[in-house]
């Protein structure tokens, strides 16, 4: 789970966390690199899922992008 950089600009009724695969840290601004179904995104906050939800083969096959 990650919180994209524009999360504070979303409506308070919308979810602020999104599901993604963490792949590293961007050296320029120390933001996290996350792959989602929509592609490559950067995030300011990341959070681990519980152990039973961490490994999702179907989601890994859907993510797009190159870190």
C-alpha atoms as a PDB file:
ATOM      1  CA  UNK A   1       0.000   0.000   0.000  1.00  0.00           C
ATOM      2  CA  UNK A   2       1.239   3.460  -0.758  1.00  0.00           C
ATOM      3  CA  UNK A   3       0.067   7.037  -0.479  1.00  0.00           C
ATOM      4  CA  UNK A   4       0.740   9.005  -3.681  1.00  0.00           C
ATOM      5  CA  UNK A   5       2.153  12.511  -3.475  1.00  0.00           C
ATOM      6  CA  UNK A   6      -1.193  14.106  -4.379  1.00  0.00           C
ATOM      7  CA  UNK A   7      -3.159  12.221  -1.678  1.00  0.00           C
ATOM      8  CA  UNK A   8      -3.876  15.386   0.312  1.00  0.00           C
ATOM      9  CA  UNK A   9      -5.564  16.965  -2.703  1.00  0.00           C
ATOM     10  CA  UNK A  10      -8.154  14.175  -2.979  1.00  0.00           C
ATOM     11  CA  UNK A  11     -11.589  14.439  -1.467  1.00  0.00           C
ATOM     12  CA  UNK A  12     -11.683  13.211   2.122  1.00  0.00           C
ATOM     13  CA  UNK A  13     -14.324  10.671   1.100  1.00  0.00           C
ATOM     14  CA  UNK A  14     -11.983   8.945  -1.375  1.00  0.00           C
ATOM     15  CA  UNK A  15      -9.431   6.341  -0.237  1.00  0.00           C
ATOM     16  CA  UNK A  16      -5.939   7.796   0.081  1.00  0.00           C
ATOM     17  CA  UNK A  17      -3.977   4.531  -0.028  1.00  0.00           C
ATOM     18  CA  UNK A  18      -3.441   2.519  -3.218  1.00  0.00           C
ATOM     19  CA  UNK A  19      -2.094  -0.971  -3.806  1.00  0.00           C
ATOM     20  CA  UNK A  20       1.269  -1.291  -5.522  1.00  0.00           C
ATOM     21  CA  UNK A  21       4.599  -3.127  -5.593  1.00  0.00           C
ATOM     22  CA  UNK A  22       7.513  -1.280  -3.979  1.00  0.00           C
ATOM     23  CA  UNK A  23      10.640  -1.466  -6.161  1.00  0.00           C
ATOM     24  CA  UNK A  24      13.036   1.105  -4.719  1.00  0.00           C
ATOM     25  CA  UNK A  25      13.825   4.695  -3.788  1.00  0.00           C
ATOM     26  CA  UNK A  26      14.415   7.584  -6.172  1.00  0.00           C
ATOM     27  CA  UNK A  27      17.738   9.193  -5.245  1.00  0.00           C
ATOM     28  CA  UNK A  28      16.855  12.703  -6.446  1.00  0.00           C
ATOM     29  CA  UNK A  29      14.069  13.373  -3.929  1.00  0.00           C
ATOM     30  CA  UNK A  30      14.097  10.216  -1.769  1.00  0.00           C
ATOM     31  CA  UNK A  31      10.579   9.252  -2.839  1.00  0.00           C
ATOM     32  CA  UNK A  32       9.499   5.614  -3.101  1.00  0.00           C
ATOM     33  CA  UNK A  33       9.096   3.987  -6.532  1.00  0.00           C
ATOM     34  CA  UNK A  34       5.951   1.880  -6.789  1.00  0.00           C
ATOM     35  CA  UNK A  35       4.572  -0.128  -9.719  1.00  0.00           C
ATOM     36  CA  UNK A  36       0.790  -0.256 -10.159  1.00  0.00           C
ATOM     37  CA  UNK A  37      -1.604  -1.528 -12.781  1.00  0.00           C
ATOM     38  CA  UNK A  38      -1.488   1.969 -14.280  1.00  0.00           C
ATOM     39  CA  UNK A  39       2.329   2.024 -14.377  1.00  0.00           C
ATOM     40  CA  UNK A  40       5.205   3.685 -12.505  1.00  0.00           C
ATOM     41  CA  UNK A  41       4.336   6.074  -9.640  1.00  0.00           C
ATOM     42  CA  UNK A  42       6.228   7.782  -6.857  1.00  0.00           C
ATOM     43  CA  UNK A  43       4.991   7.911  -3.288  1.00  0.00           C
ATOM     44  CA  UNK A  44       5.799   9.781  -0.127  1.00  0.00           C
ATOM     45  CA  UNK A  45       4.579   7.045   2.256  1.00  0.00           C
ATOM     46  CA  UNK A  46       4.470   3.257   2.002  1.00  0.00           C
ATOM     47  CA  UNK A  47       2.985   0.638   4.301  1.00  0.00           C
ATOM     48  CA  UNK A  48       3.382  -3.136   4.357  1.00  0.00           C
ATOM     49  CA  UNK A  49       0.361  -5.362   4.005  1.00  0.00           C
ATOM     50  CA  UNK A  50      -0.325  -8.124   6.532  1.00  0.00           C
ATOM     51  CA  UNK A  51       1.476 -11.412   5.806  1.00  0.00           C
ATOM     52  CA  UNK A  52      -1.637 -13.087   4.391  1.00  0.00           C
ATOM     53  CA  UNK A  53      -2.065 -10.281   1.825  1.00  0.00           C
ATOM     54  CA  UNK A  54       1.574  -9.647   0.831  1.00  0.00           C
ATOM     55  CA  UNK A  55       1.895 -12.246  -1.929  1.00  0.00           C
ATOM     56  CA  UNK A  56      -0.679 -11.817  -4.702  1.00  0.00           C
ATOM     57  CA  UNK A  57       0.424 -13.540  -7.918  1.00  0.00           C
ATOM     58  CA  UNK A  58      -2.487 -12.118  -9.955  1.00  0.00           C
ATOM     59  CA  UNK A  59      -1.622  -8.547  -8.942  1.00  0.00           C
ATOM     60  CA  UNK A  60       2.080  -9.063  -9.733  1.00  0.00           C
ATOM     61  CA  UNK A  61       1.153 -10.176 -13.240  1.00  0.00           C
ATOM     62  CA  UNK A  62      -0.980  -7.034 -13.735  1.00  0.00           C
ATOM     63  CA  UNK A  63       1.531  -4.386 -12.652  1.00  0.00           C
ATOM     64  CA  UNK A  64       3.151  -2.403 -15.444  1.00  0.00           C
ATOM     65  CA  UNK A  65       6.256  -0.294 -15.774  1.00  0.00           C
ATOM     66  CA  UNK A  66       9.987  -0.465 -15.377  1.00  0.00           C
ATOM     67  CA  UNK A  67      11.688   1.022 -12.307  1.00  0.00           C
END
